[in-house]
């Protein structure tokens, strides 16, 4: 009997590997594709992370527009990519070698905001004094 080595709640190596394959392929695909949607035309997109379901049939893709730090810009980009998800899924299926091409669900990536907030906190003189002292 095979022993399960994954930790509950954490992605398996298989999920992580599939997520990276999808992330790289989608980043290239979005960069080179000419979209009809005016909200996607000429927009540079950062694909920060891809989280796959355990069966690899669903992928949550965290995206942010390059150069647009606003929440509104991220939400508009995610909505536009979700409208184009069937098209992107079809193109992605030709690019990757997975048994199934997952359903794509785009989510506005807020991790850059969180990193910026942490940087601001660490730059505060009172915090810096506590960290260094």
N, C-alpha and C. Protein backbone atom coordinates (compact mmCIF):
# COMPACT_ATOMS: atom_id res chain seq x y z
N UNK A 1 0.83 -1.17 0.00
CA UNK A 1 0.00 0.00 0.00
C UNK A 1 0.88 1.24 0.00
N UNK A 2 0.60 2.18 -0.90
CA UNK A 2 1.40 3.40 -1.00
C UNK A 2 1.12 4.32 0.18
N UNK A 3 2.17 4.96 0.63
CA UNK A 3 2.04 5.87 1.76
C UNK A 3 1.86 7.29 1.24
N UNK A 4 0.89 8.00 1.77
CA UNK A 4 0.64 9.38 1.37
C UNK A 4 1.63 10.28 2.12
N UNK A 5 2.40 11.07 1.37
CA UNK A 5 3.43 11.88 1.99
C UNK A 5 3.09 13.37 2.01
N UNK A 6 1.96 13.78 1.41
CA UNK A 6 1.63 15.20 1.40
C UNK A 6 1.01 15.62 2.73
N UNK A 7 1.20 16.87 3.06
CA UNK A 7 0.66 17.43 4.29
C UNK A 7 -0.73 17.98 4.00
N UNK A 8 -1.71 17.65 4.83
CA UNK A 8 -3.07 18.15 4.59
C UNK A 8 -3.09 19.68 4.54
N UNK A 9 -3.80 20.22 3.56
CA UNK A 9 -3.91 21.67 3.43
C UNK A 9 -2.83 22.31 2.57
N UNK A 10 -1.77 21.57 2.31
CA UNK A 10 -0.70 22.10 1.47
C UNK A 10 -0.74 21.42 0.10
N UNK A 11 -0.35 22.15 -0.96
CA UNK A 11 -0.37 21.54 -2.29
C UNK A 11 0.69 20.45 -2.41
N UNK A 12 0.38 19.45 -3.19
CA UNK A 12 1.34 18.36 -3.43
C UNK A 12 2.39 18.81 -4.44
N UNK A 13 3.45 18.04 -4.55
CA UNK A 13 4.49 18.34 -5.55
C UNK A 13 3.89 18.35 -6.96
N UNK A 14 2.96 17.45 -7.19
CA UNK A 14 2.29 17.37 -8.49
C UNK A 14 1.53 18.66 -8.79
N UNK A 15 0.80 19.18 -7.81
CA UNK A 15 0.07 20.43 -7.98
C UNK A 15 1.02 21.60 -8.21
N UNK A 16 2.10 21.65 -7.45
CA UNK A 16 3.07 22.73 -7.61
C UNK A 16 3.73 22.69 -8.99
N UNK A 17 4.10 21.50 -9.42
CA UNK A 17 4.74 21.34 -10.72
C UNK A 17 3.79 21.74 -11.85
N UNK A 18 2.55 21.28 -11.79
CA UNK A 18 1.56 21.64 -12.80
C UNK A 18 1.29 23.14 -12.79
N UNK A 19 1.23 23.74 -11.61
CA UNK A 19 1.02 25.18 -11.50
C UNK A 19 2.11 25.98 -12.18
N UNK A 20 3.35 25.55 -12.00
CA UNK A 20 4.48 26.26 -12.63
C UNK A 20 4.46 26.10 -14.15
N UNK A 21 4.12 24.92 -14.62
CA UNK A 21 4.01 24.68 -16.07
C UNK A 21 2.95 25.60 -16.66
N UNK A 22 1.81 25.67 -16.00
CA UNK A 22 0.71 26.51 -16.47
C UNK A 22 1.10 27.98 -16.39
N UNK A 23 1.74 28.39 -15.31
CA UNK A 23 2.14 29.80 -15.12
C UNK A 23 3.06 30.27 -16.24
N UNK A 24 4.08 29.49 -16.53
CA UNK A 24 5.02 29.86 -17.60
C UNK A 24 4.33 29.91 -18.96
N UNK A 25 3.53 28.90 -19.25
CA UNK A 25 2.85 28.85 -20.55
C UNK A 25 1.86 30.00 -20.70
N UNK A 26 1.09 30.30 -19.65
CA UNK A 26 0.12 31.39 -19.72
C UNK A 26 0.79 32.75 -19.86
N UNK A 27 1.89 32.95 -19.14
CA UNK A 27 2.60 34.23 -19.23
C UNK A 27 3.05 34.48 -20.67
N UNK A 28 3.60 33.46 -21.31
CA UNK A 28 4.02 33.60 -22.71
C UNK A 28 2.83 33.78 -23.63
N UNK A 29 1.79 33.01 -23.40
CA UNK A 29 0.60 33.06 -24.24
C UNK A 29 -0.06 34.44 -24.18
N UNK A 30 -0.24 34.98 -22.99
CA UNK A 30 -0.86 36.29 -22.83
C UNK A 30 0.00 37.38 -23.44
N UNK A 31 1.32 37.25 -23.32
CA UNK A 31 2.22 38.27 -23.86
C UNK A 31 2.19 38.33 -25.38
N UNK A 32 2.03 37.20 -26.03
CA UNK A 32 2.11 37.20 -27.49
C UNK A 32 0.75 37.26 -28.20
N UNK A 33 -0.34 37.08 -27.45
CA UNK A 33 -1.66 37.01 -28.06
C UNK A 33 -2.23 38.40 -28.32
N UNK A 34 -2.91 38.55 -29.44
CA UNK A 34 -3.64 39.79 -29.75
C UNK A 34 -5.09 39.56 -29.37
N UNK A 35 -5.55 40.25 -28.35
CA UNK A 35 -6.91 40.08 -27.87
C UNK A 35 -7.84 41.10 -28.51
N UNK A 36 -9.08 40.68 -28.74
CA UNK A 36 -10.09 41.59 -29.27
C UNK A 36 -10.65 42.50 -28.18
N UNK A 37 -10.63 42.01 -26.97
CA UNK A 37 -11.15 42.77 -25.83
C UNK A 37 -10.28 44.01 -25.61
N UNK A 38 -10.85 45.21 -25.66
CA UNK A 38 -10.04 46.42 -25.48
C UNK A 38 -9.38 46.51 -24.11
N UNK A 39 -9.96 45.84 -23.12
CA UNK A 39 -9.34 45.86 -21.78
C UNK A 39 -8.10 44.98 -21.70
N UNK A 40 -7.89 44.13 -22.70
CA UNK A 40 -6.70 43.27 -22.73
C UNK A 40 -5.69 43.70 -23.78
N UNK A 41 -6.12 44.52 -24.72
CA UNK A 41 -5.24 44.95 -25.81
C UNK A 41 -4.09 45.80 -25.26
N UNK A 42 -2.89 45.35 -25.49
CA UNK A 42 -1.70 46.10 -25.10
C UNK A 42 -1.38 46.11 -23.62
N UNK A 43 -2.10 45.34 -22.82
CA UNK A 43 -1.84 45.30 -21.38
C UNK A 43 -0.76 44.27 -21.09
N UNK A 44 0.23 44.66 -20.31
CA UNK A 44 1.26 43.72 -19.87
C UNK A 44 0.79 43.10 -18.55
N UNK A 45 0.82 41.79 -18.50
CA UNK A 45 0.26 41.06 -17.37
C UNK A 45 1.35 40.29 -16.64
N UNK A 46 1.32 40.37 -15.32
CA UNK A 46 2.19 39.56 -14.49
C UNK A 46 1.36 38.41 -13.93
N UNK A 47 1.78 37.18 -14.23
CA UNK A 47 1.13 35.99 -13.67
C UNK A 47 1.96 35.60 -12.46
N UNK A 48 1.46 35.95 -11.28
CA UNK A 48 2.22 35.76 -10.06
C UNK A 48 2.26 34.33 -9.56
N UNK A 49 1.12 33.66 -9.62
CA UNK A 49 1.04 32.31 -9.07
C UNK A 49 -0.13 31.58 -9.71
N UNK A 50 -0.01 30.26 -9.80
CA UNK A 50 -1.10 29.41 -10.25
C UNK A 50 -1.28 28.32 -9.20
N UNK A 51 -2.48 28.21 -8.68
CA UNK A 51 -2.81 27.16 -7.71
C UNK A 51 -3.78 26.19 -8.36
N UNK A 52 -3.37 24.94 -8.43
CA UNK A 52 -4.18 23.90 -9.05
C UNK A 52 -4.93 23.10 -7.99
N UNK A 53 -6.12 22.64 -8.36
CA UNK A 53 -6.88 21.76 -7.49
C UNK A 53 -6.17 20.41 -7.42
N UNK A 54 -6.45 19.59 -6.43
CA UNK A 54 -5.78 18.29 -6.32
C UNK A 54 -5.94 17.40 -7.55
N UNK A 55 -7.07 17.50 -8.26
CA UNK A 55 -7.26 16.69 -9.46
C UNK A 55 -6.74 17.38 -10.73
N UNK A 56 -6.17 18.58 -10.58
CA UNK A 56 -5.58 19.38 -11.66
C UNK A 56 -6.61 19.80 -12.73
N UNK A 57 -7.88 19.78 -12.39
CA UNK A 57 -8.90 20.16 -13.36
C UNK A 57 -9.34 21.61 -13.23
N UNK A 58 -8.82 22.30 -12.23
CA UNK A 58 -9.14 23.71 -12.00
C UNK A 58 -7.87 24.43 -11.59
N UNK A 59 -7.67 25.62 -12.16
CA UNK A 59 -6.50 26.40 -11.81
C UNK A 59 -6.92 27.83 -11.48
N UNK A 60 -6.51 28.31 -10.32
CA UNK A 60 -6.70 29.70 -9.94
C UNK A 60 -5.43 30.44 -10.28
N UNK A 61 -5.54 31.44 -11.14
CA UNK A 61 -4.38 32.18 -11.63
C UNK A 61 -4.42 33.59 -11.06
N UNK A 62 -3.39 33.96 -10.33
CA UNK A 62 -3.30 35.28 -9.72
C UNK A 62 -2.54 36.20 -10.67
N UNK A 63 -3.23 37.27 -11.09
CA UNK A 63 -2.68 38.18 -12.10
C UNK A 63 -2.74 39.62 -11.63
N UNK A 64 -1.84 40.42 -12.17
CA UNK A 64 -1.84 41.86 -11.94
C UNK A 64 -1.33 42.53 -13.21
N UNK A 65 -1.90 43.70 -13.55
CA UNK A 65 -1.40 44.42 -14.71
C UNK A 65 -0.09 45.11 -14.35
N UNK A 66 0.89 45.00 -15.21
CA UNK A 66 2.18 45.62 -14.97
C UNK A 66 2.02 47.13 -15.08
N UNK A 67 2.41 47.84 -14.03
CA UNK A 67 2.35 49.29 -14.04
C UNK A 67 1.04 49.88 -13.54
N UNK A 68 0.07 49.06 -13.19
CA UNK A 68 -1.20 49.56 -12.65
C UNK A 68 -1.36 49.00 -11.24
N UNK A 69 -1.10 49.84 -10.25
CA UNK A 69 -1.12 49.39 -8.86
C UNK A 69 -2.50 49.47 -8.22
N UNK A 70 -3.50 49.89 -8.96
CA UNK A 70 -4.81 50.11 -8.37
C UNK A 70 -5.60 48.82 -8.26
N UNK A 71 -6.44 48.76 -7.25
CA UNK A 71 -7.33 47.61 -7.07
C UNK A 71 -8.29 47.51 -8.25
N UNK A 72 -8.77 48.65 -8.71
CA UNK A 72 -9.69 48.68 -9.85
C UNK A 72 -9.03 48.10 -11.10
N UNK A 73 -7.79 48.45 -11.35
CA UNK A 73 -7.07 47.93 -12.51
C UNK A 73 -6.90 46.43 -12.45
N UNK A 74 -6.57 45.92 -11.26
CA UNK A 74 -6.41 44.47 -11.10
C UNK A 74 -7.73 43.74 -11.29
N UNK A 75 -8.81 44.29 -10.73
CA UNK A 75 -10.12 43.66 -10.86
C UNK A 75 -10.59 43.66 -12.31
N UNK A 76 -10.37 44.76 -13.03
CA UNK A 76 -10.77 44.84 -14.44
C UNK A 76 -9.99 43.83 -15.27
N UNK A 77 -8.69 43.69 -14.98
CA UNK A 77 -7.87 42.72 -15.71
C UNK A 77 -8.36 41.30 -15.45
N UNK A 78 -8.61 40.96 -14.19
CA UNK A 78 -9.08 39.61 -13.85
C UNK A 78 -10.42 39.32 -14.54
N UNK A 79 -11.32 40.30 -14.55
CA UNK A 79 -12.62 40.11 -15.20
C UNK A 79 -12.45 39.91 -16.70
N UNK A 80 -11.58 40.69 -17.32
CA UNK A 80 -11.35 40.57 -18.77
C UNK A 80 -10.73 39.20 -19.10
N UNK A 81 -9.78 38.76 -18.29
CA UNK A 81 -9.16 37.45 -18.54
C UNK A 81 -10.16 36.32 -18.30
N UNK A 82 -11.05 36.48 -17.34
CA UNK A 82 -12.09 35.46 -17.12
C UNK A 82 -13.03 35.38 -18.32
N UNK A 83 -13.30 36.53 -18.95
CA UNK A 83 -14.13 36.51 -20.17
C UNK A 83 -13.41 35.76 -21.29
N UNK A 84 -12.09 35.83 -21.31
CA UNK A 84 -11.30 35.17 -22.35
C UNK A 84 -10.79 33.80 -21.93
N UNK A 85 -11.26 33.29 -20.80
CA UNK A 85 -10.69 32.05 -20.25
C UNK A 85 -10.90 30.83 -21.14
N UNK A 86 -12.04 30.73 -21.81
CA UNK A 86 -12.27 29.58 -22.70
C UNK A 86 -11.29 29.61 -23.87
N UNK A 87 -11.09 30.80 -24.43
CA UNK A 87 -10.13 30.97 -25.51
C UNK A 87 -8.72 30.62 -25.02
N UNK A 88 -8.33 31.14 -23.86
CA UNK A 88 -7.00 30.89 -23.32
C UNK A 88 -6.82 29.41 -22.98
N UNK A 89 -7.86 28.79 -22.48
CA UNK A 89 -7.78 27.37 -22.15
C UNK A 89 -7.51 26.54 -23.40
N UNK A 90 -8.19 26.88 -24.50
CA UNK A 90 -7.96 26.17 -25.75
C UNK A 90 -6.53 26.32 -26.24
N UNK A 91 -6.01 27.54 -26.17
CA UNK A 91 -4.62 27.78 -26.57
C UNK A 91 -3.63 27.10 -25.62
N UNK A 92 -3.94 27.13 -24.34
CA UNK A 92 -3.07 26.52 -23.35
C UNK A 92 -2.97 25.01 -23.56
N UNK A 93 -4.08 24.38 -23.94
CA UNK A 93 -4.10 22.94 -24.17
C UNK A 93 -3.12 22.51 -25.24
N UNK A 94 -2.83 23.39 -26.19
CA UNK A 94 -1.85 23.08 -27.24
C UNK A 94 -0.41 23.31 -26.79
N UNK A 95 -0.25 24.06 -25.70
CA UNK A 95 1.08 24.44 -25.24
C UNK A 95 1.65 23.50 -24.17
N UNK A 96 0.79 22.93 -23.36
CA UNK A 96 1.27 22.13 -22.22
C UNK A 96 0.97 20.65 -22.43
N UNK A 97 1.71 19.83 -21.72
CA UNK A 97 1.51 18.39 -21.81
C UNK A 97 0.99 17.87 -20.47
N UNK A 98 -0.29 18.11 -20.25
CA UNK A 98 -0.97 17.56 -19.08
C UNK A 98 -2.14 16.73 -19.59
N UNK A 99 -2.56 15.77 -18.79
CA UNK A 99 -3.66 14.91 -19.20
C UNK A 99 -4.92 15.72 -19.46
N UNK A 100 -5.21 16.70 -18.60
CA UNK A 100 -6.36 17.58 -18.74
C UNK A 100 -5.87 19.02 -18.79
N UNK A 101 -6.54 19.83 -19.58
CA UNK A 101 -6.29 21.27 -19.51
C UNK A 101 -7.28 21.82 -18.49
N UNK A 102 -6.78 22.43 -17.43
CA UNK A 102 -7.69 22.85 -16.36
C UNK A 102 -8.58 24.02 -16.76
N UNK A 103 -9.70 24.15 -16.05
CA UNK A 103 -10.52 25.36 -16.16
C UNK A 103 -9.72 26.49 -15.54
N UNK A 104 -9.72 27.64 -16.20
CA UNK A 104 -8.92 28.76 -15.74
C UNK A 104 -9.80 29.79 -15.04
N UNK A 105 -9.41 30.16 -13.84
CA UNK A 105 -10.12 31.17 -13.07
C UNK A 105 -9.10 32.23 -12.64
N UNK A 106 -9.25 33.43 -13.18
CA UNK A 106 -8.30 34.51 -12.92
C UNK A 106 -8.75 35.32 -11.70
N UNK A 107 -7.77 35.63 -10.84
CA UNK A 107 -8.02 36.35 -9.60
C UNK A 107 -7.02 37.51 -9.52
N UNK A 108 -7.52 38.67 -9.09
CA UNK A 108 -6.64 39.84 -8.92
C UNK A 108 -5.64 39.53 -7.80
N UNK A 109 -4.36 39.70 -8.09
CA UNK A 109 -3.29 39.38 -7.15
C UNK A 109 -3.04 40.57 -6.23
N UNK A 110 -3.23 40.36 -4.94
CA UNK A 110 -3.02 41.43 -3.95
C UNK A 110 -1.71 41.27 -3.20
N UNK A 111 -0.92 40.27 -3.54
CA UNK A 111 0.30 39.99 -2.77
C UNK A 111 1.32 41.13 -2.90
N UNK A 112 1.30 41.85 -4.01
CA UNK A 112 2.24 42.97 -4.17
C UNK A 112 1.89 44.10 -3.21
N UNK A 113 0.60 44.33 -2.99
CA UNK A 113 0.18 45.33 -2.01
C UNK A 113 0.64 44.94 -0.61
N UNK A 114 0.51 43.67 -0.28
CA UNK A 114 0.91 43.20 1.03
C UNK A 114 2.42 43.35 1.22
N UNK A 115 3.19 43.05 0.18
CA UNK A 115 4.65 43.19 0.26
C UNK A 115 5.03 44.66 0.42
N UNK A 116 4.35 45.55 -0.28
CA UNK A 116 4.62 46.99 -0.17
C UNK A 116 4.31 47.48 1.24
N UNK A 117 3.20 47.01 1.80
CA UNK A 117 2.83 47.42 3.16
C UNK A 117 3.88 46.94 4.17
N UNK A 118 4.38 45.74 4.00
CA UNK A 118 5.42 45.22 4.90
C UNK A 118 6.70 46.03 4.75
N UNK A 119 7.07 46.37 3.51
CA UNK A 119 8.26 47.20 3.29
C UNK A 119 8.12 48.56 3.98
N UNK A 120 6.94 49.16 3.89
CA UNK A 120 6.71 50.45 4.55
C UNK A 120 6.84 50.31 6.07
N UNK A 121 6.29 49.23 6.61
CA UNK A 121 6.42 48.99 8.05
C UNK A 121 7.88 48.84 8.46
N UNK A 122 8.62 48.07 7.70
CA UNK A 122 10.03 47.84 8.04
C UNK A 122 10.88 49.10 7.87
N UNK A 123 10.44 50.02 7.02
CA UNK A 123 11.18 51.26 6.80
C UNK A 123 10.89 52.30 7.88
N UNK A 124 9.85 52.10 8.67
CA UNK A 124 9.50 53.02 9.75
C UNK A 124 10.66 53.07 10.75
N UNK A 125 11.11 54.27 11.14
CA UNK A 125 12.27 54.37 12.05
C UNK A 125 12.09 53.63 13.37
N UNK A 126 10.88 53.62 13.92
CA UNK A 126 10.65 52.93 15.20
C UNK A 126 10.81 51.42 15.03
N UNK A 127 10.29 50.88 13.92
CA UNK A 127 10.40 49.44 13.67
C UNK A 127 11.85 49.09 13.37
N UNK A 128 12.51 49.91 12.55
CA UNK A 128 13.91 49.65 12.21
C UNK A 128 14.78 49.63 13.47
N UNK A 129 14.51 50.56 14.40
CA UNK A 129 15.27 50.60 15.65
C UNK A 129 15.08 49.30 16.43
N UNK A 130 13.83 48.80 16.47
CA UNK A 130 13.56 47.56 17.20
C UNK A 130 14.20 46.35 16.52
N UNK A 131 14.20 46.34 15.19
CA UNK A 131 14.77 45.21 14.46
C UNK A 131 16.27 45.20 14.59
N UNK A 132 16.90 46.38 14.50
CA UNK A 132 18.37 46.44 14.55
C UNK A 132 18.89 46.34 15.99
N UNK A 133 18.12 46.78 16.94
CA UNK A 133 18.60 46.84 18.33
C UNK A 133 18.34 45.62 19.05
